[in-house]
Amino acid sequence: MQFADRVEAGRRLAEALRGRVSADAIVLALPRGGVPVGFEVADELGLPLDVIVVRKVGAPLQPEFALGAVGEGGVTVFNERIAAHLPQRPGEFERVARGERAELERRTARFREGRAALSLIGREVVIVDDGIATGSTARAACAVARARGARRVVLATPVAPHGVEQRMSDVADEVVCVHEPSEFFSVGGFYTHFAQTPDEEVSELLRRAAQRRT
């Protein structure tokens, strides 16, 4: 299966989600590529759209291992299971997290343009990305959404490797995926057009979604 672009992917994902999420759910899109997909999902299903900006916090000496993540509102998620198997000095996690928070705040300010984040307390949230490869960012987003008070978390994506539901079942209540190929090399390989989504496009789509709510 090949998607023409993120717009088509978003519309096909919306059809897969139809009837599976509540009428008062919130769509949370991961920047940057997840925002065009999430915009179409929110538009097709008549749901509000917001961005969920997360930054993984890697181990100081082994950054490929995520010790946790940081999100808006001062949310910090710490993975004690992984941390127990990695050597680290006291305060190292917080030091790395501070740097990631600074970058998170920069990106959030650019994308939100002064708008407040939608409250997730007691809400069902649909976390959308344009594809899932390793799943580490999606995991972080699910954890941050729960920490911000989400009642139910649905992870939704146009494409991911076969078996993504089982692999993500510990962080998401439900996983919805349009295409799960058994052979998976990269997310972009399943799109005809997969150019990088610029920050300006992310900001514009979020602006349009906010205007829809008013």
C-alpha atoms as a PDB file:
ATOM      1  CA  MET A   1       0.000   0.000   0.000  1.00  0.00           C
ATOM      2  CA  GLN A   2       1.245   3.459  -0.924  1.00  0.00           C
ATOM      3  CA  PHE A   3      -0.112   6.802   0.282  1.00  0.00           C
ATOM      4  CA  ALA A   4       0.070   9.726  -2.140  1.00  0.00           C
ATOM      5  CA  ASP A   5       0.921  12.151   0.662  1.00  0.00           C
ATOM      6  CA  ARG A   6       0.088  12.979   4.275  1.00  0.00           C
ATOM      7  CA  VAL A   7      -3.283  14.453   3.303  1.00  0.00           C
ATOM      8  CA  GLU A   8      -4.471  11.191   1.760  1.00  0.00           C
ATOM      9  CA  ALA A   9      -2.962   9.242   4.641  1.00  0.00           C
ATOM     10  CA  GLY A  10      -4.869  11.393   7.127  1.00  0.00           C
ATOM     11  CA  ARG A  11      -8.164  10.861   5.343  1.00  0.00           C
ATOM     12  CA  ARG A  12      -7.682   7.100   5.221  1.00  0.00           C
ATOM     13  CA  LEU A  13      -6.721   7.072   8.879  1.00  0.00           C
ATOM     14  CA  ALA A  14      -9.862   9.056   9.703  1.00  0.00           C
ATOM     15  CA  GLU A  15     -11.970   6.354   8.053  1.00  0.00           C
ATOM     16  CA  ALA A  16     -10.212   3.693  10.091  1.00  0.00           C
ATOM     17  CA  LEU A  17     -10.957   5.663  13.267  1.00  0.00           C
ATOM     18  CA  ARG A  18     -14.579   6.442  12.453  1.00  0.00           C
ATOM     19  CA  GLY A  19     -16.855   4.909  15.077  1.00  0.00           C
ATOM     20  CA  ARG A  20     -13.917   3.881  17.262  1.00  0.00           C
ATOM     21  CA  VAL A  21     -13.400   7.128  19.184  1.00  0.00           C
ATOM     22  CA  SER A  22     -15.803   9.234  21.207  1.00  0.00           C
ATOM     23  CA  ALA A  23     -17.422  12.396  19.869  1.00  0.00           C
ATOM     24  CA  ASP A  24     -15.568  14.513  22.443  1.00  0.00           C
ATOM     25  CA  ALA A  25     -12.103  13.094  21.794  1.00  0.00           C
ATOM     26  CA  ILE A  26      -9.097  15.332  21.132  1.00  0.00           C
ATOM     27  CA  VAL A  27      -6.641  14.722  18.307  1.00  0.00           C
ATOM     28  CA  LEU A  28      -3.037  15.288  19.354  1.00  0.00           C
ATOM     29  CA  ALA A  29      -0.567  15.393  16.471  1.00  0.00           C
ATOM     30  CA  LEU A  30       3.153  14.858  16.755  1.00  0.00           C
ATOM     31  CA  PRO A  31       5.188  17.515  14.958  1.00  0.00           C
ATOM     32  CA  ARG A  32       6.198  17.886  12.390  1.00  0.00           C
ATOM     33  CA  GLY A  33       4.958  15.215   9.961  1.00  0.00           C
ATOM     34  CA  GLY A  34       2.095  14.077  12.153  1.00  0.00           C
ATOM     35  CA  VAL A  35       0.375  17.459  12.029  1.00  0.00           C
ATOM     36  CA  PRO A  36      -0.838  17.315   8.382  1.00  0.00           C
ATOM     37  CA  VAL A  37      -2.141  13.800   9.055  1.00  0.00           C
ATOM     38  CA  GLY A  38      -3.776  14.844  12.317  1.00  0.00           C
ATOM     39  CA  PHE A  39      -5.333  17.891  10.674  1.00  0.00           C
ATOM     40  CA  GLU A  40      -7.171  15.672   8.192  1.00  0.00           C
ATOM     41  CA  VAL A  41      -8.246  13.255  10.938  1.00  0.00           C
ATOM     42  CA  ALA A  42      -9.634  16.084  13.067  1.00  0.00           C
ATOM     43  CA  ASP A  43     -11.340  17.701  10.069  1.00  0.00           C
ATOM     44  CA  GLU A  44     -12.975  14.490   8.859  1.00  0.00           C
ATOM     45  CA  LEU A  45     -14.191  13.462  12.323  1.00  0.00           C
ATOM     46  CA  GLY A  46     -15.120  16.945  13.555  1.00  0.00           C
ATOM     47  CA  LEU A  47     -12.703  16.835  16.490  1.00  0.00           C
ATOM     48  CA  PRO A  48     -10.447  19.512  17.967  1.00  0.00           C
ATOM     49  CA  LEU A  49      -6.772  19.358  17.012  1.00  0.00           C
ATOM     50  CA  ASP A  50      -3.817  20.182  19.189  1.00  0.00           C
ATOM     51  CA  VAL A  51      -0.109  19.482  19.019  1.00  0.00           C
ATOM     52  CA  ILE A  52       1.717  17.267  21.486  1.00  0.00           C
ATOM     53  CA  VAL A  53       5.361  18.232  21.726  1.00  0.00           C
ATOM     54  CA  VAL A  54       7.520  15.733  23.574  1.00  0.00           C
ATOM     55  CA  ARG A  55      11.253  15.376  23.959  1.00  0.00           C
ATOM     56  CA  LYS A  56      12.845  12.079  24.827  1.00  0.00           C
ATOM     57  CA  VAL A  57      15.447  12.214  27.595  1.00  0.00           C
ATOM     58  CA  GLY A  58      18.309   9.888  26.722  1.00  0.00           C
ATOM     59  CA  ALA A  59      20.776   8.346  29.124  1.00  0.00           C
ATOM     60  CA  PRO A  60      23.807  10.681  29.428  1.00  0.00           C
ATOM     61  CA  LEU A  61      26.330   8.062  28.288  1.00  0.00           C
ATOM     62  CA  GLN A  62      23.938   6.061  26.090  1.00  0.00           C
ATOM     63  CA  PRO A  63      21.524   8.569  24.499  1.00  0.00           C
ATOM     64  CA  GLU A  64      19.904   5.896  22.329  1.00  0.00           C
ATOM     65  CA  PHE A  65      18.246   4.574  25.504  1.00  0.00           C
ATOM     66  CA  ALA A  66      15.389   6.848  26.576  1.00  0.00           C
ATOM     67  CA  LEU A  67      15.273   7.232  30.342  1.00  0.00           C
ATOM     68  CA  GLY A  68      12.058   9.198  30.037  1.00  0.00           C
ATOM     69  CA  ALA A  69      10.474  12.183  28.367  1.00  0.00           C
ATOM     70  CA  VAL A  70       9.376  15.729  29.045  1.00  0.00           C
ATOM     71  CA  GLY A  71       6.188  17.430  27.905  1.00  0.00           C
ATOM     72  CA  GLU A  72       4.218  20.633  28.320  1.00  0.00           C
ATOM     73  CA  GLY A  73       3.130  21.833  31.710  1.00  0.00           C
ATOM     74  CA  GLY A  74       6.305  20.634  33.383  1.00  0.00           C
ATOM     75  CA  VAL A  75       5.394  16.976  32.837  1.00  0.00           C
ATOM     76  CA  THR A  76       8.319  14.606  33.298  1.00  0.00           C
ATOM     77  CA  VAL A  77       8.104  10.865  32.687  1.00  0.00           C
ATOM     78  CA  PHE A  78      10.882   8.692  34.122  1.00  0.00           C
ATOM     79  CA  ASN A  79      11.376   5.060  33.107  1.00  0.00           C
ATOM     80  CA  GLU A  80      12.596   3.382  36.265  1.00  0.00           C
ATOM     81  CA  ARG A  81      12.815  -0.046  34.597  1.00  0.00           C
ATOM     82  CA  ILE A  82      15.379   1.146  32.050  1.00  0.00           C
ATOM     83  CA  ALA A  83      17.173   3.421  34.529  1.00  0.00           C
ATOM     84  CA  ALA A  84      17.784   0.477  36.858  1.00  0.00           C
ATOM     85  CA  HIS A  85      19.997  -1.144  34.216  1.00  0.00           C
ATOM     86  CA  LEU A  86      22.019   1.924  33.213  1.00  0.00           C
ATOM     87  CA  PRO A  87      24.823   3.543  35.210  1.00  0.00           C
ATOM     88  CA  GLN A  88      24.219   7.196  36.007  1.00  0.00           C
ATOM     89  CA  ARG A  89      25.342   9.775  38.519  1.00  0.00           C
ATOM     90  CA  PRO A  90      22.855  11.618  40.750  1.00  0.00           C
ATOM     91  CA  GLY A  91      21.256  14.526  38.955  1.00  0.00           C
ATOM     92  CA  GLU A  92      22.240  13.409  35.455  1.00  0.00           C
ATOM     93  CA  PHE A  93      18.679  12.762  34.314  1.00  0.00           C
ATOM     94  CA  GLU A  94      17.556  16.212  35.449  1.00  0.00           C
ATOM     95  CA  ARG A  95      20.525  17.852  33.737  1.00  0.00           C
ATOM     96  CA  VAL A  96      19.681  16.258  30.385  1.00  0.00           C
ATOM     97  CA  ALA A  97      15.962  16.913  30.929  1.00  0.00           C
ATOM     98  CA  ARG A  98      16.632  20.648  31.424  1.00  0.00           C
ATOM     99  CA  GLY A  99      18.196  20.874  27.988  1.00  0.00           C
ATOM    100  CA  GLU A 100      15.301  19.010  26.403  1.00  0.00           C
ATOM    101  CA  ARG A 101      12.769  21.237  28.188  1.00  0.00           C
ATOM    102  CA  ALA A 102      14.427  24.312  26.707  1.00  0.00           C
ATOM    103  CA  GLU A 103      14.064  22.904  23.197  1.00  0.00           C
ATOM    104  CA  LEU A 104      10.492  21.790  23.929  1.00  0.00           C
ATOM    105  CA  GLU A 105       9.542  25.278  25.082  1.00  0.00           C
ATOM    106  CA  ARG A 106      11.088  26.824  21.959  1.00  0.00           C
ATOM    107  CA  ARG A 107       9.164  24.527  19.627  1.00  0.00           C
ATOM    108  CA  THR A 108       5.934  24.813  21.579  1.00  0.00           C
ATOM    109  CA  ALA A 109       6.037  28.609  21.520  1.00  0.00           C
ATOM    110  CA  ARG A 110       6.610  28.583  17.777  1.00  0.00           C
ATOM    111  CA  PHE A 111       3.793  26.152  17.026  1.00  0.00           C
ATOM    112  CA  ARG A 112       1.193  27.486  19.502  1.00  0.00           C
ATOM    113  CA  GLU A 113       1.618  31.195  18.790  1.00  0.00           C
ATOM    114  CA  GLY A 114       0.338  32.106  22.244  1.00  0.00           C
ATOM    115  CA  ARG A 115      -2.609  29.693  22.313  1.00  0.00           C
ATOM    116  CA  ALA A 116      -3.106  27.642  25.456  1.00  0.00           C
ATOM    117  CA  ALA A 117      -2.847  23.867  25.305  1.00  0.00           C
ATOM    118  CA  LEU A 118      -6.156  22.017  25.335  1.00  0.00           C
ATOM    119  CA  SER A 119      -6.856  20.349  28.675  1.00  0.00           C
ATOM    120  CA  LEU A 120      -6.581  16.549  28.529  1.00  0.00           C
ATOM    121  CA  ILE A 121      -8.001  15.875  31.986  1.00  0.00           C
ATOM    122  CA  GLY A 122     -10.609  13.132  31.756  1.00  0.00           C
ATOM    123  CA  ARG A 123     -10.575  13.179  27.946  1.00  0.00           C
ATOM    124  CA  GLU A 124      -9.993  10.539  25.310  1.00  0.00           C
ATOM    125  CA  VAL A 125      -7.019  11.517  23.162  1.00  0.00           C
ATOM    126  CA  VAL A 126      -5.997  10.270  19.732  1.00  0.00           C
ATOM    127  CA  ILE A 127      -2.249  10.594  19.237  1.00  0.00           C
ATOM    128  CA  VAL A 128      -1.413  10.812  15.536  1.00  0.00           C
ATOM    129  CA  ASP A 129       1.870  10.531  13.659  1.00  0.00           C
ATOM    130  CA  ASP A 130       2.585  10.029   9.963  1.00  0.00           C
ATOM    131  CA  GLY A 131       4.132   6.646  10.684  1.00  0.00           C
ATOM    132  CA  ILE A 132       5.719   4.607  13.450  1.00  0.00           C
ATOM    133  CA  ALA A 133       9.145   3.034  13.026  1.00  0.00           C
ATOM    134  CA  THR A 134      10.845   2.330  16.365  1.00  0.00           C
ATOM    135  CA  GLY A 135       7.895   3.718  18.334  1.00  0.00           C
ATOM    136  CA  SER A 136      10.028   5.548  20.898  1.00  0.00           C
ATOM    137  CA  THR A 137       8.518   8.980  20.222  1.00  0.00           C
ATOM    138  CA  ALA A 138       4.989   7.570  20.163  1.00  0.00           C
ATOM    139  CA  ARG A 139       5.641   5.868  23.499  1.00  0.00           C
ATOM    140  CA  ALA A 140       6.821   9.126  24.998  1.00  0.00           C
ATOM    141  CA  ALA A 141       3.748  10.937  23.672  1.00  0.00           C
ATOM    142  CA  CYS A 142       1.387   8.354  25.167  1.00  0.00           C
ATOM    143  CA  ALA A 143       3.114   8.604  28.545  1.00  0.00           C
ATOM    144  CA  VAL A 144       3.016  12.407  28.520  1.00  0.00           C
ATOM    145  CA  ALA A 145      -0.677  12.441  27.539  1.00  0.00           C
ATOM    146  CA  ARG A 146      -1.502  10.177  30.489  1.00  0.00           C
ATOM    147  CA  ALA A 147       0.573  12.321  32.814  1.00  0.00           C
ATOM    148  CA  ARG A 148      -1.465  15.327  31.641  1.00  0.00           C
ATOM    149  CA  GLY A 149      -4.663  13.554  32.716  1.00  0.00           C
ATOM    150  CA  ALA A 150      -5.909  11.730  29.605  1.00  0.00           C
ATOM    151  CA  ARG A 151      -8.586   9.163  30.430  1.00  0.00           C
ATOM    152  CA  ARG A 152      -7.994   6.984  27.367  1.00  0.00           C
ATOM    153  CA  VAL A 153      -5.174   6.995  24.817  1.00  0.00           C
ATOM    154  CA  VAL A 154      -5.596   5.848  21.217  1.00  0.00           C
ATOM    155  CA  LEU A 155      -2.444   5.708  19.111  1.00  0.00           C
ATOM    156  CA  ALA A 156      -3.247   6.175  15.421  1.00  0.00           C
ATOM    157  CA  THR A 157      -1.001   6.079  12.382  1.00  0.00           C
ATOM    158  CA  PRO A 158      -1.233   5.362   8.656  1.00  0.00           C
ATOM    159  CA  VAL A 159       1.664   2.886   8.640  1.00  0.00           C
ATOM    160  CA  ALA A 160       3.739   0.870  11.097  1.00  0.00           C
ATOM    161  CA  PRO A 161       5.515  -2.495  11.129  1.00  0.00           C
ATOM    162  CA  HIS A 162       3.370  -5.590  11.525  1.00  0.00           C
ATOM    163  CA  GLY A 163       2.484  -6.285  15.164  1.00  0.00           C
ATOM    164  CA  VAL A 164       2.471  -2.653  16.289  1.00  0.00           C
ATOM    165  CA  GLU A 165      -0.676  -3.224  18.383  1.00  0.00           C
ATOM    166  CA  GLN A 166       1.067  -5.795  20.550  1.00  0.00           C
ATOM    167  CA  ARG A 167       4.252  -3.753  20.901  1.00  0.00           C
ATOM    168  CA  MET A 168       2.414  -0.597  21.964  1.00  0.00           C
ATOM    169  CA  SER A 169      -0.311  -2.194  24.080  1.00  0.00           C
ATOM    170  CA  ASP A 170       1.492  -1.296  27.303  1.00  0.00           C
ATOM    171  CA  VAL A 171       1.227   2.453  26.606  1.00  0.00           C
ATOM    172  CA  ALA A 172      -1.950   2.807  24.503  1.00  0.00           C
ATOM    173  CA  ASP A 173      -5.475   1.569  25.210  1.00  0.00           C
ATOM    174  CA  GLU A 174      -5.967   1.014  21.490  1.00  0.00           C
ATOM    175  CA  VAL A 175      -3.765   1.185  18.402  1.00  0.00           C
ATOM    176  CA  VAL A 176      -5.273   1.971  14.994  1.00  0.00           C
ATOM    177  CA  CYS A 177      -3.085   1.484  11.940  1.00  0.00           C
ATOM    178  CA  VAL A 178      -4.161   1.532   8.290  1.00  0.00           C
ATOM    179  CA  HIS A 179      -1.260  -0.506   6.902  1.00  0.00           C
ATOM    180  CA  GLU A 180       1.012  -2.943   8.732  1.00  0.00           C
ATOM    181  CA  PRO A 181       3.511  -4.365   6.243  1.00  0.00           C
ATOM    182  CA  SER A 182       5.575  -7.385   7.223  1.00  0.00           C
ATOM    183  CA  GLU A 183       8.575  -5.798   5.485  1.00  0.00           C
ATOM    184  CA  PHE A 184       9.245  -2.311   6.819  1.00  0.00           C
ATOM    185  CA  PHE A 185      12.286  -0.191   6.031  1.00  0.00           C
ATOM    186  CA  SER A 186      11.203   3.406   6.580  1.00  0.00           C
ATOM    187  CA  VAL A 187       8.018   5.440   6.971  1.00  0.00           C
ATOM    188  CA  GLY A 188       8.800   7.483   3.855  1.00  0.00           C
ATOM    189  CA  GLY A 189       8.921   4.346   1.744  1.00  0.00           C
ATOM    190  CA  PHE A 190       5.128   4.099   1.971  1.00  0.00           C
ATOM    191  CA  TYR A 191       4.502   7.636   0.674  1.00  0.00           C
ATOM    192  CA  THR A 192       4.822   8.864  -2.898  1.00  0.00           C
ATOM    193  CA  HIS A 193       5.449  12.398  -1.644  1.00  0.00           C
ATOM    194  CA  PHE A 194       7.165  12.594   1.747  1.00  0.00           C
ATOM    195  CA  ALA A 195       8.883  15.967   1.886  1.00  0.00           C
ATOM    196  CA  GLN A 196       9.799  17.335   5.304  1.00  0.00           C
ATOM    197  CA  THR A 197       6.976  19.326   6.880  1.00  0.00           C
ATOM    198  CA  PRO A 198       8.259  22.847   7.615  1.00  0.00           C
ATOM    199  CA  ASP A 199       7.534  24.577  10.915  1.00  0.00           C
ATOM    200  CA  GLU A 200       5.520  27.198   9.035  1.00  0.00           C
ATOM    201  CA  GLU A 201       3.094  24.561   7.756  1.00  0.00           C
ATOM    202  CA  VAL A 202       2.688  23.108  11.239  1.00  0.00           C
ATOM    203  CA  SER A 203       1.867  26.557  12.633  1.00  0.00           C
ATOM    204  CA  GLU A 204      -0.579  27.311   9.808  1.00  0.00           C
ATOM    205  CA  LEU A 205      -2.498  24.048  10.220  1.00  0.00           C
ATOM    206  CA  LEU A 206      -2.764  24.516  13.977  1.00  0.00           C
ATOM    207  CA  ARG A 207      -3.935  28.090  13.417  1.00  0.00           C
ATOM    208  CA  ARG A 208      -6.643  26.901  11.018  1.00  0.00           C
ATOM    209  CA  ALA A 209      -7.736  24.180  13.441  1.00  0.00           C
ATOM    210  CA  ALA A 210      -7.990  26.713  16.275  1.00  0.00           C
ATOM    211  CA  GLN A 211     -10.091  29.037  14.112  1.00  0.00           C
ATOM    212  CA  ARG A 212     -12.444  26.145  13.406  1.00  0.00           C
ATOM    213  CA  ARG A 213     -13.163  25.864  17.131  1.00  0.00           C
ATOM    214  CA  THR A 214     -14.150  29.522  17.512  1.00  0.00           C
END
